[in-house]
Amino acid sequence: MDISSSFVYTPELARQSFRACHPRSPLARWLPAGIYVVLGILALAEALRGARVDPVGLAVGVVVLLLGLGWPVFYARRVARALRPLTEPGTIRLELTDAGYAAEAPGRTTSRLWPTFKSAALVRGFWVLKTESEGTLAFPASVLDAAQNEAFQAAMRDKGLLKR
């Protein structure tokens, strides 16, 4: 398999790629926030119950409640920081060989050998490649023509990365 392709990415394409790599992100953002808000309200209710206010319980309740309210903001900042290098449109050159994956963008080059990947899947129109330790990489499936797409799928099946 020797596939070479180039495509122009945009900030919107980068966000779509991030969503494909992290499909459970709304759950990861809102579930902990909801848990912290509920725990904060319970701690505040316990601290305010009775004739005397418990100052330690009040402080803990306020901190936990603020953590719950701030969780989505912290998560959004983390996503924005991850996408910061992709805020300007640019061209990515993609090389897929029998040895590995390589992508070259302005000011940034990424290359990995196939044994470092643990899976490949088509998610929301992107080929998502998960690594053992570095996270995920994705590229739009539309950058490959039909023959390249078939060759890529066959190679991923042969390497045991495509589970279909």
C-alpha atoms as a PDB file:
ATOM      1  CA  MET A   1       0.000   0.000   0.000  1.00  0.00           C
ATOM      2  CA  ASP A   2       1.512   3.284  -1.098  1.00  0.00           C
ATOM      3  CA  ILE A   3      -1.061   6.024  -0.802  1.00  0.00           C
ATOM      4  CA  SER A   4      -0.150   9.664  -1.122  1.00  0.00           C
ATOM      5  CA  SER A   5      -2.701  12.437  -0.878  1.00  0.00           C
ATOM      6  CA  SER A   6      -2.978  16.099   0.014  1.00  0.00           C
ATOM      7  CA  PHE A   7      -5.945  18.030   1.333  1.00  0.00           C
ATOM      8  CA  VAL A   8      -6.706  21.467   2.700  1.00  0.00           C
ATOM      9  CA  TYR A   9      -7.896  21.512   6.279  1.00  0.00           C
ATOM     10  CA  THR A  10      -9.965  24.248   7.837  1.00  0.00           C
ATOM     11  CA  PRO A  11     -10.738  24.994  11.483  1.00  0.00           C
ATOM     12  CA  GLU A  12     -14.177  23.400  10.967  1.00  0.00           C
ATOM     13  CA  LEU A  13     -12.562  20.253   9.563  1.00  0.00           C
ATOM     14  CA  ALA A  14     -10.243  20.192  12.594  1.00  0.00           C
ATOM     15  CA  ARG A  15     -13.255  20.374  14.962  1.00  0.00           C
ATOM     16  CA  GLN A  16     -15.013  17.566  13.069  1.00  0.00           C
ATOM     17  CA  SER A  17     -11.849  15.484  13.266  1.00  0.00           C
ATOM     18  CA  PHE A  18     -11.622  16.107  17.013  1.00  0.00           C
ATOM     19  CA  ARG A  19     -15.266  15.011  17.441  1.00  0.00           C
ATOM     20  CA  ALA A  20     -14.568  11.857  15.443  1.00  0.00           C
ATOM     21  CA  CYS A  21     -11.573  11.063  17.651  1.00  0.00           C
ATOM     22  CA  HIS A  22     -13.487  11.799  20.868  1.00  0.00           C
ATOM     23  CA  PRO A  23     -17.082  10.717  20.230  1.00  0.00           C
ATOM     24  CA  ARG A  24     -18.051  10.625  23.903  1.00  0.00           C
ATOM     25  CA  SER A  25     -16.912  14.149  24.661  1.00  0.00           C
ATOM     26  CA  PRO A  26     -20.370  15.526  25.607  1.00  0.00           C
ATOM     27  CA  LEU A  27     -20.755  12.732  28.148  1.00  0.00           C
ATOM     28  CA  ALA A  28     -17.213  13.311  29.425  1.00  0.00           C
ATOM     29  CA  ARG A  29     -17.984  17.009  29.818  1.00  0.00           C
ATOM     30  CA  TRP A  30     -21.463  16.965  31.346  1.00  0.00           C
ATOM     31  CA  LEU A  31     -21.506  13.853  33.546  1.00  0.00           C
ATOM     32  CA  PRO A  32     -18.682  14.944  35.895  1.00  0.00           C
ATOM     33  CA  ALA A  33     -20.096  18.479  35.936  1.00  0.00           C
ATOM     34  CA  GLY A  34     -23.515  17.173  36.962  1.00  0.00           C
ATOM     35  CA  ILE A  35     -22.017  14.953  39.646  1.00  0.00           C
ATOM     36  CA  TYR A  36     -20.008  17.838  41.119  1.00  0.00           C
ATOM     37  CA  VAL A  37     -23.021  20.179  41.068  1.00  0.00           C
ATOM     38  CA  VAL A  38     -25.193  17.618  42.862  1.00  0.00           C
ATOM     39  CA  LEU A  39     -22.460  16.901  45.431  1.00  0.00           C
ATOM     40  CA  GLY A  40     -21.905  20.637  45.949  1.00  0.00           C
ATOM     41  CA  ILE A  41     -25.615  21.258  46.526  1.00  0.00           C
ATOM     42  CA  LEU A  42     -25.787  18.323  48.961  1.00  0.00           C
ATOM     43  CA  ALA A  43     -22.739  19.599  50.855  1.00  0.00           C
ATOM     44  CA  LEU A  44     -24.216  23.116  51.016  1.00  0.00           C
ATOM     45  CA  ALA A  45     -27.569  21.773  52.200  1.00  0.00           C
ATOM     46  CA  GLU A  46     -25.858  19.753  54.916  1.00  0.00           C
ATOM     47  CA  ALA A  47     -23.725  22.728  55.981  1.00  0.00           C
ATOM     48  CA  LEU A  48     -26.742  25.044  56.207  1.00  0.00           C
ATOM     49  CA  ARG A  49     -28.958  22.532  58.002  1.00  0.00           C
ATOM     50  CA  GLY A  50     -29.518  23.193  61.662  1.00  0.00           C
ATOM     51  CA  ALA A  51     -29.254  26.254  63.857  1.00  0.00           C
ATOM     52  CA  ARG A  52     -25.541  26.835  63.231  1.00  0.00           C
ATOM     53  CA  VAL A  53     -23.841  27.041  59.856  1.00  0.00           C
ATOM     54  CA  ASP A  54     -20.913  24.643  59.419  1.00  0.00           C
ATOM     55  CA  PRO A  55     -18.130  26.829  57.918  1.00  0.00           C
ATOM     56  CA  VAL A  56     -16.022  23.876  56.708  1.00  0.00           C
ATOM     57  CA  GLY A  57     -19.000  22.194  55.053  1.00  0.00           C
ATOM     58  CA  LEU A  58     -20.019  25.520  53.534  1.00  0.00           C
ATOM     59  CA  ALA A  59     -16.539  26.033  52.060  1.00  0.00           C
ATOM     60  CA  VAL A  60     -16.391  22.460  50.729  1.00  0.00           C
ATOM     61  CA  GLY A  61     -19.876  22.785  49.225  1.00  0.00           C
ATOM     62  CA  VAL A  62     -19.021  26.061  47.479  1.00  0.00           C
ATOM     63  CA  VAL A  63     -15.741  24.695  46.100  1.00  0.00           C
ATOM     64  CA  VAL A  64     -17.351  21.499  44.781  1.00  0.00           C
ATOM     65  CA  LEU A  65     -20.285  23.450  43.296  1.00  0.00           C
ATOM     66  CA  LEU A  66     -17.906  25.866  41.561  1.00  0.00           C
ATOM     67  CA  LEU A  67     -15.884  22.922  40.252  1.00  0.00           C
ATOM     68  CA  GLY A  68     -19.057  21.454  38.761  1.00  0.00           C
ATOM     69  CA  LEU A  69     -20.029  24.755  37.161  1.00  0.00           C
ATOM     70  CA  GLY A  70     -16.499  25.338  35.845  1.00  0.00           C
ATOM     71  CA  TRP A  71     -15.913  21.809  34.501  1.00  0.00           C
ATOM     72  CA  PRO A  72     -17.387  22.498  31.011  1.00  0.00           C
ATOM     73  CA  VAL A  73     -15.332  25.700  30.786  1.00  0.00           C
ATOM     74  CA  PHE A  74     -12.106  23.856  31.626  1.00  0.00           C
ATOM     75  CA  TYR A  75     -12.972  21.152  29.095  1.00  0.00           C
ATOM     76  CA  ALA A  76     -13.717  23.714  26.368  1.00  0.00           C
ATOM     77  CA  ARG A  77     -10.353  25.392  27.036  1.00  0.00           C
ATOM     78  CA  ARG A  78      -8.586  22.040  26.749  1.00  0.00           C
ATOM     79  CA  VAL A  79     -10.239  21.385  23.372  1.00  0.00           C
ATOM     80  CA  ALA A  80      -9.410  24.903  22.154  1.00  0.00           C
ATOM     81  CA  ARG A  81      -5.773  24.424  23.197  1.00  0.00           C
ATOM     82  CA  ALA A  82      -5.606  21.099  21.328  1.00  0.00           C
ATOM     83  CA  LEU A  83      -7.008  22.706  18.168  1.00  0.00           C
ATOM     84  CA  ARG A  84      -4.943  25.904  18.378  1.00  0.00           C
ATOM     85  CA  PRO A  85      -2.321  24.767  15.806  1.00  0.00           C
ATOM     86  CA  LEU A  86      -5.139  24.227  13.308  1.00  0.00           C
ATOM     87  CA  THR A  87      -6.802  27.655  13.532  1.00  0.00           C
ATOM     88  CA  GLU A  88      -5.525  28.753  10.116  1.00  0.00           C
ATOM     89  CA  PRO A  89      -6.355  26.825   6.932  1.00  0.00           C
ATOM     90  CA  GLY A  90      -3.451  24.877   5.494  1.00  0.00           C
ATOM     91  CA  THR A  91      -2.469  21.884   3.421  1.00  0.00           C
ATOM     92  CA  ILE A  92      -1.733  18.470   4.878  1.00  0.00           C
ATOM     93  CA  ARG A  93       0.234  15.916   2.902  1.00  0.00           C
ATOM     94  CA  LEU A  94      -0.716  12.377   3.869  1.00  0.00           C
ATOM     95  CA  GLU A  95       1.514   9.331   3.193  1.00  0.00           C
ATOM     96  CA  LEU A  96       0.226   5.844   3.967  1.00  0.00           C
ATOM     97  CA  THR A  97       2.724   3.070   3.298  1.00  0.00           C
ATOM     98  CA  ASP A  98       3.164  -0.551   4.305  1.00  0.00           C
ATOM     99  CA  ALA A  99       5.486   0.671   7.060  1.00  0.00           C
ATOM    100  CA  GLY A 100       3.348   3.396   8.597  1.00  0.00           C
ATOM    101  CA  TYR A 101       1.433   6.644   8.612  1.00  0.00           C
ATOM    102  CA  ALA A 102       2.908  10.097   7.998  1.00  0.00           C
ATOM    103  CA  ALA A 103       1.220  13.487   7.835  1.00  0.00           C
ATOM    104  CA  GLU A 104       2.991  16.747   7.135  1.00  0.00           C
ATOM    105  CA  ALA A 105       1.302  20.057   7.930  1.00  0.00           C
ATOM    106  CA  PRO A 106       2.833  23.530   8.063  1.00  0.00           C
ATOM    107  CA  GLY A 107       5.180  23.508  11.044  1.00  0.00           C
ATOM    108  CA  ARG A 108       4.242  20.013  12.145  1.00  0.00           C
ATOM    109  CA  THR A 109       5.077  16.486  11.021  1.00  0.00           C
ATOM    110  CA  THR A 110       3.596  13.315  12.485  1.00  0.00           C
ATOM    111  CA  SER A 111       4.695   9.804  11.630  1.00  0.00           C
ATOM    112  CA  ARG A 112       3.949   6.472  13.277  1.00  0.00           C
ATOM    113  CA  LEU A 113       4.709   2.866  12.398  1.00  0.00           C
ATOM    114  CA  TRP A 114       1.685   0.581  12.057  1.00  0.00           C
ATOM    115  CA  PRO A 115       2.636  -1.598  15.067  1.00  0.00           C
ATOM    116  CA  THR A 116       2.084   1.433  17.333  1.00  0.00           C
ATOM    117  CA  PHE A 117      -1.606   1.549  16.358  1.00  0.00           C
ATOM    118  CA  LYS A 118      -4.200  -0.576  18.083  1.00  0.00           C
ATOM    119  CA  SER A 119      -7.236   0.062  15.850  1.00  0.00           C
ATOM    120  CA  ALA A 120      -8.615   1.814  12.798  1.00  0.00           C
ATOM    121  CA  ALA A 121     -12.251   2.752  12.290  1.00  0.00           C
ATOM    122  CA  LEU A 122     -14.388   4.910  10.043  1.00  0.00           C
ATOM    123  CA  VAL A 123     -16.133   7.404  12.349  1.00  0.00           C
ATOM    124  CA  ARG A 124     -18.297  10.281  11.103  1.00  0.00           C
ATOM    125  CA  GLY A 125     -16.524  10.384   7.745  1.00  0.00           C
ATOM    126  CA  PHE A 126     -12.986  10.248   9.213  1.00  0.00           C
ATOM    127  CA  TRP A 127     -10.521   7.406   9.432  1.00  0.00           C
ATOM    128  CA  VAL A 128      -9.638   7.349  13.136  1.00  0.00           C
ATOM    129  CA  LEU A 129      -6.391   5.602  14.035  1.00  0.00           C
ATOM    130  CA  LYS A 130      -5.922   4.879  17.743  1.00  0.00           C
ATOM    131  CA  THR A 131      -2.446   4.419  19.149  1.00  0.00           C
ATOM    132  CA  GLU A 132      -1.412   2.602  22.275  1.00  0.00           C
ATOM    133  CA  SER A 133      -0.098   5.660  24.092  1.00  0.00           C
ATOM    134  CA  GLU A 134      -0.243   8.861  22.022  1.00  0.00           C
ATOM    135  CA  GLY A 135      -4.026   9.072  21.579  1.00  0.00           C
ATOM    136  CA  THR A 136      -5.765   9.236  18.225  1.00  0.00           C
ATOM    137  CA  LEU A 137      -5.063  10.507  14.735  1.00  0.00           C
ATOM    138  CA  ALA A 138      -7.705  11.139  12.092  1.00  0.00           C
ATOM    139  CA  PHE A 139      -7.966  12.122   8.474  1.00  0.00           C
ATOM    140  CA  PRO A 140     -11.039  12.633   6.269  1.00  0.00           C
ATOM    141  CA  ALA A 141     -12.067   9.511   4.389  1.00  0.00           C
ATOM    142  CA  SER A 142     -12.982  11.721   1.440  1.00  0.00           C
ATOM    143  CA  VAL A 143      -9.298  12.424   0.662  1.00  0.00           C
ATOM    144  CA  LEU A 144      -8.935   8.846  -0.567  1.00  0.00           C
ATOM    145  CA  ASP A 145     -10.478   7.848  -3.892  1.00  0.00           C
ATOM    146  CA  ALA A 146     -12.340   4.534  -4.164  1.00  0.00           C
ATOM    147  CA  ALA A 147      -9.248   2.482  -5.083  1.00  0.00           C
ATOM    148  CA  GLN A 148      -7.137   4.058  -2.341  1.00  0.00           C
ATOM    149  CA  ASN A 149      -9.928   3.551   0.184  1.00  0.00           C
ATOM    150  CA  GLU A 150     -10.199  -0.134  -0.718  1.00  0.00           C
ATOM    151  CA  ALA A 151      -6.403  -0.583  -0.512  1.00  0.00           C
ATOM    152  CA  PHE A 152      -6.325   1.178   2.869  1.00  0.00           C
ATOM    153  CA  GLN A 153      -9.146  -0.974   4.252  1.00  0.00           C
ATOM    154  CA  ALA A 154      -7.484  -4.157   3.001  1.00  0.00           C
ATOM    155  CA  ALA A 155      -4.166  -3.144   4.566  1.00  0.00           C
ATOM    156  CA  MET A 156      -5.841  -2.316   7.886  1.00  0.00           C
ATOM    157  CA  ARG A 157      -7.612  -5.692   7.866  1.00  0.00           C
ATOM    158  CA  ASP A 158      -4.320  -7.470   7.093  1.00  0.00           C
ATOM    159  CA  LYS A 159      -2.624  -5.681   9.983  1.00  0.00           C
ATOM    160  CA  GLY A 160      -5.514  -6.586  12.314  1.00  0.00           C
ATOM    161  CA  LEU A 161      -6.453  -2.959  12.926  1.00  0.00           C
ATOM    162  CA  LEU A 162      -9.820  -2.883  11.153  1.00  0.00           C
ATOM    163  CA  LYS A 163     -12.350  -4.902  13.102  1.00  0.00           C
ATOM    164  CA  ARG A 164     -14.943  -5.330  10.335  1.00  0.00           C
END
